[in-house]
């Protein structure tokens, strides 16, 4: 690395926080009415190292909903339950070049969703979580995120209800998946599960530990608990790198070079394998659904510390 991140990271994120605090570019995710009410001034940066140390600044304890940041983690849960061959039979691993909520998201021959980071793929993955009802199916997801962040997590019911009421596009996608036998069972139940995973409340420190657990091969850095197998973490990181930033994944790989995942509530995570998890929260997003401040902060951090996975200075 160009300089030791452990020695200078707190002063660096303090500097980046002050630099981008005045930045009010973008908009809140108004197509989900409850998310439109987010305070545009909220801003936080947190970095969790694989040794458990944490650096943070801003409103790092402010709760917000996971939204699409949940997708790789629920995919990992299903992957460990069903294995690679089954997962590949239902959901592909190719980037699309389309927006995250595109309806034309199914492969022509297999009718699989292209990948689990877009809505069609994530809905298909959520439908795989088994149980007698939504509550029973939700339980392993709640326990999963509890293991990642080190404490219990709850659902923001207002956001859940808001998503459910405005889910016409996602409902159309789910009906297509049902038609092509990618998902079975009750569509509304699977959609409810998907909306609830997106409505889980976290803060920026939590996000940094989600990312750091993947950086640490599936071991939660603070609790030292094994959350998932290293092979599953590797698969998740591969998908985050190629598909996690949707139709800007190529640009992200070129300019930042880290596995990442964004959510329309303003959360953004990036993983430096073997080293750290980085998280930024700011609810002002761009047209691709990424936190504007988050993208700016990650680009600067990646450049300053030469963090790209393709760098030979690690």
Protein backbone atom coordinates (compact mmCIF):
# COMPACT_ATOMS: atom_id res chain seq x y z
CA UNK A 1 0.00 0.00 0.00
CA UNK A 2 1.13 3.57 -0.57
CA UNK A 3 0.95 4.20 3.17
CA UNK A 4 -0.09 2.16 6.21
CA UNK A 5 -3.85 2.38 6.48
CA UNK A 6 -3.79 1.39 10.16
CA UNK A 7 -1.59 4.36 11.02
CA UNK A 8 -3.49 7.02 9.15
CA UNK A 9 -7.04 5.85 8.49
CA UNK A 10 -8.80 7.86 11.20
CA UNK A 11 -7.28 11.14 10.04
CA UNK A 12 -8.03 10.19 6.43
CA UNK A 13 -11.72 9.47 7.00
CA UNK A 14 -11.99 12.62 9.13
CA UNK A 15 -10.62 14.56 6.17
CA UNK A 16 -12.94 12.86 3.65
CA UNK A 17 -15.94 13.39 5.92
CA UNK A 18 -15.29 17.13 6.11
CA UNK A 19 -14.57 17.30 2.38
CA UNK A 20 -17.86 15.67 1.33
CA UNK A 21 -20.16 16.84 4.12
CA UNK A 22 -21.24 19.87 2.03
CA UNK A 23 -21.98 17.63 -0.99
CA UNK A 24 -25.75 17.48 -1.46
CA UNK A 25 -25.83 16.01 -4.95
CA UNK A 26 -28.38 13.29 -5.71
CA UNK A 27 -31.82 12.54 -4.31
CA UNK A 28 -33.48 10.27 -1.77
CA UNK A 29 -35.13 7.11 -3.12
CA UNK A 30 -38.56 8.65 -3.60
CA UNK A 31 -40.06 5.68 -5.44
CA UNK A 32 -40.27 4.04 -2.00
CA UNK A 33 -42.22 6.74 -0.15
CA UNK A 34 -40.80 5.96 3.29
CA UNK A 35 -37.21 6.30 2.04
CA UNK A 36 -37.98 9.71 0.57
CA UNK A 37 -38.17 11.10 4.13
CA UNK A 38 -34.49 10.39 4.89
CA UNK A 39 -32.42 13.33 6.12
CA UNK A 40 -30.08 14.29 3.23
CA UNK A 41 -27.50 15.62 5.71
CA UNK A 42 -26.89 12.22 7.34
CA UNK A 43 -23.41 10.98 6.56
CA UNK A 44 -21.12 8.38 8.11
CA UNK A 45 -17.97 6.44 7.29
CA UNK A 46 -16.84 3.29 9.12
CA UNK A 47 -13.99 0.86 8.52
CA UNK A 48 -13.66 -2.48 10.34
CA UNK A 49 -10.30 -4.25 10.12
CA UNK A 50 -10.02 -8.03 10.14
CA UNK A 51 -8.35 -7.79 13.58
CA UNK A 52 -11.58 -6.27 14.96
CA UNK A 53 -10.41 -2.66 15.26
CA UNK A 54 -12.83 -0.02 13.98
CA UNK A 55 -12.48 3.53 12.69
CA UNK A 56 -15.52 5.76 12.18
CA UNK A 57 -16.87 9.28 11.90
CA UNK A 58 -20.26 10.95 11.47
CA UNK A 59 -23.68 9.52 12.28
CA UNK A 60 -22.36 5.96 12.36
CA UNK A 61 -25.09 4.80 14.78
CA UNK A 62 -27.96 6.19 12.69
CA UNK A 63 -30.23 3.31 11.67
CA UNK A 64 -31.37 2.80 8.08
CA UNK A 65 -32.60 -0.17 6.08
CA UNK A 66 -30.30 -2.61 4.27
CA UNK A 67 -32.16 -2.63 0.97
CA UNK A 68 -30.00 -4.26 -1.74
CA UNK A 69 -26.96 -4.53 0.52
CA UNK A 70 -28.82 -7.58 1.88
CA UNK A 71 -28.63 -9.42 -1.45
CA UNK A 72 -25.16 -11.01 -1.37
CA UNK A 73 -25.62 -12.10 2.24
CA UNK A 74 -28.94 -13.87 1.71
CA UNK A 75 -27.41 -15.42 -1.41
CA UNK A 76 -24.62 -16.76 0.82
CA UNK A 77 -27.23 -18.26 3.16
CA UNK A 78 -28.93 -20.07 0.27
CA UNK A 79 -25.59 -21.08 -1.23
CA UNK A 80 -24.56 -22.84 1.97
CA UNK A 81 -27.95 -24.54 2.21
CA UNK A 82 -28.25 -25.77 -1.39
CA UNK A 83 -24.76 -25.72 -2.91
CA UNK A 84 -23.35 -24.26 -6.10
CA UNK A 85 -24.96 -26.57 -8.70
CA UNK A 86 -28.50 -25.91 -7.47
CA UNK A 87 -27.92 -22.17 -7.15
CA UNK A 88 -26.55 -22.01 -10.68
CA UNK A 89 -29.61 -23.88 -11.97
CA UNK A 90 -31.86 -21.11 -10.63
CA UNK A 91 -29.78 -17.91 -10.79
CA UNK A 92 -26.88 -17.04 -13.10
CA UNK A 93 -23.66 -15.21 -12.29
CA UNK A 94 -23.34 -12.86 -15.27
CA UNK A 95 -23.54 -9.03 -15.14
CA UNK A 96 -26.39 -7.56 -17.16
CA UNK A 97 -25.51 -3.97 -17.99
CA UNK A 98 -29.11 -3.13 -17.05
CA UNK A 99 -30.55 -1.27 -14.07
CA UNK A 100 -31.14 -3.18 -10.83
CA UNK A 101 -34.94 -3.25 -11.26
CA UNK A 102 -35.13 -4.04 -14.97
CA UNK A 103 -37.94 -6.42 -15.88
CA UNK A 104 -35.98 -7.81 -18.85
CA UNK A 105 -33.59 -9.63 -16.52
CA UNK A 106 -34.03 -13.27 -17.54
CA UNK A 107 -31.71 -15.30 -19.75
CA UNK A 108 -33.29 -16.21 -23.08
CA UNK A 109 -32.73 -19.99 -22.95
CA UNK A 110 -32.79 -20.90 -19.25
CA UNK A 111 -35.03 -18.01 -18.10
CA UNK A 112 -32.81 -17.69 -15.03
CA UNK A 113 -32.18 -14.22 -13.62
CA UNK A 114 -28.73 -13.12 -14.77
CA UNK A 115 -27.35 -12.77 -11.24
CA UNK A 116 -28.46 -12.53 -7.58
CA UNK A 117 -27.55 -8.84 -7.19
CA UNK A 118 -30.45 -7.59 -9.35
CA UNK A 119 -34.03 -7.71 -8.09
CA UNK A 120 -35.13 -10.74 -10.13
CA UNK A 121 -32.19 -12.79 -8.86
CA UNK A 122 -32.64 -11.66 -5.27
CA UNK A 123 -36.37 -12.49 -5.33
CA UNK A 124 -35.50 -15.95 -6.68
CA UNK A 125 -32.94 -16.43 -3.90
CA UNK A 126 -35.36 -15.30 -1.19
CA UNK A 127 -37.92 -17.80 -2.46
CA UNK A 128 -35.43 -20.61 -1.73
CA UNK A 129 -35.45 -19.94 2.02
CA UNK A 130 -37.82 -22.61 3.29
CA UNK A 131 -40.37 -22.65 6.12
CA UNK A 132 -44.05 -23.14 6.86
CA UNK A 133 -44.76 -19.41 6.69
CA UNK A 134 -43.06 -16.04 6.27
CA UNK A 135 -42.15 -15.79 9.96
CA UNK A 136 -40.45 -19.20 9.95
CA UNK A 137 -38.60 -18.35 6.74
CA UNK A 138 -37.53 -14.98 8.09
CA UNK A 139 -35.92 -16.45 11.21
CA UNK A 140 -32.72 -17.79 9.55
CA UNK A 141 -32.26 -14.43 7.78
CA UNK A 142 -32.54 -12.54 11.08
CA UNK A 143 -30.06 -14.96 12.71
CA UNK A 144 -27.72 -14.61 9.75
CA UNK A 145 -27.45 -10.83 10.04
CA UNK A 146 -27.24 -11.07 13.83
CA UNK A 147 -24.14 -13.24 13.37
CA UNK A 148 -22.63 -10.77 10.90
CA UNK A 149 -23.14 -7.63 12.99
CA UNK A 150 -22.87 -9.10 16.48
CA UNK A 151 -26.30 -8.10 17.81
CA UNK A 152 -30.00 -8.67 17.10
CA UNK A 153 -31.58 -6.90 14.13
CA UNK A 154 -35.14 -5.70 13.56
CA UNK A 155 -37.38 -4.80 10.63
CA UNK A 156 -38.56 -1.26 9.94
CA UNK A 157 -42.25 -2.05 9.46
CA UNK A 158 -43.00 1.34 7.90
CA UNK A 159 -40.43 0.74 5.17
CA UNK A 160 -41.66 -2.83 4.69
CA UNK A 161 -45.25 -1.67 4.23
CA UNK A 162 -44.12 1.15 1.94
CA UNK A 163 -42.17 -1.26 -0.26
CA UNK A 164 -45.04 -3.73 -0.35
CA UNK A 165 -47.57 -1.10 -1.43
CA UNK A 166 -45.39 0.20 -4.27
CA UNK A 167 -44.01 -3.15 -5.48
CA UNK A 168 -45.75 -3.35 -8.86
CA UNK A 169 -42.50 -3.85 -10.79
CA UNK A 170 -41.17 -6.46 -8.36
CA UNK A 171 -44.53 -8.23 -8.43
CA UNK A 172 -44.33 -8.37 -12.23
CA UNK A 173 -40.82 -9.83 -11.99
CA UNK A 174 -41.99 -12.45 -9.46
CA UNK A 175 -44.84 -13.50 -11.75
CA UNK A 176 -42.39 -14.00 -14.61
CA UNK A 177 -40.17 -16.12 -12.34
CA UNK A 178 -43.18 -18.18 -11.28
CA UNK A 179 -44.23 -18.62 -14.92
CA UNK A 180 -40.80 -20.01 -15.83
CA UNK A 181 -40.71 -22.22 -12.70
CA UNK A 182 -37.71 -20.44 -11.25
CA UNK A 183 -39.67 -19.91 -8.05
CA UNK A 184 -42.42 -22.07 -6.60
CA UNK A 185 -44.86 -21.61 -3.77
CA UNK A 186 -46.83 -18.48 -2.98
CA UNK A 187 -45.56 -15.37 -4.78
CA UNK A 188 -46.76 -12.92 -2.15
CA UNK A 189 -45.05 -14.87 0.63
CA UNK A 190 -41.74 -14.86 -1.23
CA UNK A 191 -42.09 -11.15 -1.97
CA UNK A 192 -42.88 -10.42 1.66
CA UNK A 193 -39.69 -12.21 2.67
CA UNK A 194 -37.69 -10.22 0.13
CA UNK A 195 -39.19 -6.90 1.27
CA UNK A 196 -38.48 -7.78 4.90
CA UNK A 197 -34.82 -8.60 4.26
CA UNK A 198 -34.53 -5.23 2.49
CA UNK A 199 -36.23 -3.53 5.48
CA UNK A 200 -33.79 -4.78 8.13
CA UNK A 201 -32.39 -1.95 10.23
CA UNK A 202 -28.62 -1.50 10.50
CA UNK A 203 -26.14 1.32 11.02
CA UNK A 204 -22.85 2.15 9.32
CA UNK A 205 -20.79 0.28 11.92
CA UNK A 206 -22.93 -2.80 11.23
CA UNK A 207 -22.27 -2.45 7.51
CA UNK A 208 -18.53 -2.29 8.10
CA UNK A 209 -18.70 -5.62 9.96
CA UNK A 210 -20.78 -7.20 7.21
CA UNK A 211 -17.98 -6.30 4.81
CA UNK A 212 -15.16 -7.16 7.22
CA UNK A 213 -16.59 -10.64 7.84
CA UNK A 214 -16.31 -11.32 4.10
CA UNK A 215 -12.81 -9.80 4.10
CA UNK A 216 -11.95 -12.23 6.92
CA UNK A 217 -13.05 -15.36 5.04
CA UNK A 218 -16.37 -15.68 6.86
CA UNK A 219 -15.11 -15.09 10.42
CA UNK A 220 -16.71 -12.13 12.22
CA UNK A 221 -13.68 -10.03 13.28
CA UNK A 222 -15.03 -8.91 16.67
CA UNK A 223 -16.89 -11.99 17.93
CA UNK A 224 -14.54 -14.44 16.11
CA UNK A 225 -17.64 -16.44 15.19
CA UNK A 226 -17.65 -18.39 11.93
CA UNK A 227 -20.58 -17.01 9.96
CA UNK A 228 -19.98 -18.86 6.69
CA UNK A 229 -17.41 -20.97 4.89
CA UNK A 230 -14.48 -19.26 3.12
CA UNK A 231 -15.56 -20.76 -0.20
CA UNK A 232 -18.97 -19.11 0.14
CA UNK A 233 -17.37 -15.78 1.05
CA UNK A 234 -15.20 -16.06 -2.06
CA UNK A 235 -18.24 -16.72 -4.27
CA UNK A 236 -20.10 -13.77 -2.76
CA UNK A 237 -17.13 -11.46 -3.33
CA UNK A 238 -16.86 -12.60 -6.95
CA UNK A 239 -20.49 -11.70 -7.54
CA UNK A 240 -20.17 -8.39 -5.72
CA UNK A 241 -17.17 -7.51 -7.89
CA UNK A 242 -18.82 -8.34 -11.21
CA UNK A 243 -22.45 -7.46 -10.45
CA UNK A 244 -22.73 -5.58 -7.14
CA UNK A 245 -22.73 -2.09 -8.65
CA UNK A 246 -25.26 -2.95 -11.38
CA UNK A 247 -24.82 -1.10 -14.68
CA UNK A 248 -21.75 0.74 -13.37
CA UNK A 249 -19.92 -2.46 -12.33
CA UNK A 250 -17.30 -2.11 -15.07
CA UNK A 251 -16.56 1.51 -14.25
CA UNK A 252 -16.36 0.60 -10.54
CA UNK A 253 -13.93 -2.26 -11.22
CA UNK A 254 -11.80 0.10 -13.29
CA UNK A 255 -11.77 3.07 -10.89
CA UNK A 256 -12.02 1.36 -7.48
CA UNK A 257 -11.25 -2.33 -8.02
CA UNK A 258 -13.04 -3.73 -4.96
CA UNK A 259 -16.04 -6.03 -4.45
CA UNK A 260 -18.90 -3.74 -3.41
CA UNK A 261 -22.63 -3.53 -2.89
CA UNK A 262 -24.93 -0.53 -2.72
CA UNK A 263 -28.48 -0.01 -1.50
CA UNK A 264 -30.98 2.71 -2.38
CA UNK A 265 -31.32 3.73 1.27
CA UNK A 266 -27.78 5.11 0.94
CA UNK A 267 -25.63 2.30 2.32
CA UNK A 268 -22.51 1.24 0.44
CA UNK A 269 -19.99 -1.44 1.38
CA UNK A 270 -16.67 -2.46 -0.13
CA UNK A 271 -14.39 -5.34 0.80
CA UNK A 272 -10.59 -5.41 0.80
CA UNK A 273 -9.99 -9.18 1.05
CA UNK A 274 -7.80 -10.15 3.98
CA UNK A 275 -7.69 -6.59 5.30
CA UNK A 276 -10.91 -4.67 5.98
CA UNK A 277 -14.53 -3.84 5.31
CA UNK A 278 -15.45 -0.26 4.38
CA UNK A 279 -18.93 1.24 4.78
CA UNK A 280 -20.42 4.62 3.96
CA UNK A 281 -23.93 5.87 4.60
CA UNK A 282 -25.50 8.87 2.90
CA UNK A 283 -29.10 8.70 1.63
CA UNK A 284 -28.57 10.90 -1.43
CA UNK A 285 -28.24 8.49 -4.37
CA UNK A 286 -27.43 8.83 -8.05
CA UNK A 287 -29.44 7.57 -11.03
CA UNK A 288 -27.91 4.10 -10.66
CA UNK A 289 -28.98 3.76 -7.02
CA UNK A 290 -25.56 4.37 -5.40
CA UNK A 291 -24.82 6.77 -2.55
CA UNK A 292 -23.20 9.84 -4.13
CA UNK A 293 -21.00 10.58 -1.13
CA UNK A 294 -20.29 6.87 -0.73
CA UNK A 295 -18.92 6.52 -4.25
CA UNK A 296 -16.75 9.62 -3.83
CA UNK A 297 -15.32 8.41 -0.51
CA UNK A 298 -14.59 4.90 -1.79
CA UNK A 299 -12.86 6.20 -4.92
CA UNK A 300 -10.58 8.41 -2.84
CA UNK A 301 -9.79 5.69 -0.30
CA UNK A 302 -9.02 3.17 -3.05
CA UNK A 303 -6.69 5.63 -4.78
CA UNK A 304 -4.98 6.89 -1.65
CA UNK A 305 -4.21 3.44 -0.23
CA UNK A 306 -3.93 1.55 -3.54
CA UNK A 307 -6.70 -0.85 -2.43
CA UNK A 308 -7.65 -2.40 -5.77
CA UNK A 309 -7.58 -6.20 -5.71
CA UNK A 310 -5.38 -5.97 -8.81
CA UNK A 311 -2.72 -3.88 -7.08
CA UNK A 312 0.66 -5.55 -6.57
CA UNK A 313 1.54 -3.33 -3.61
CA UNK A 314 -0.52 -5.22 -0.99
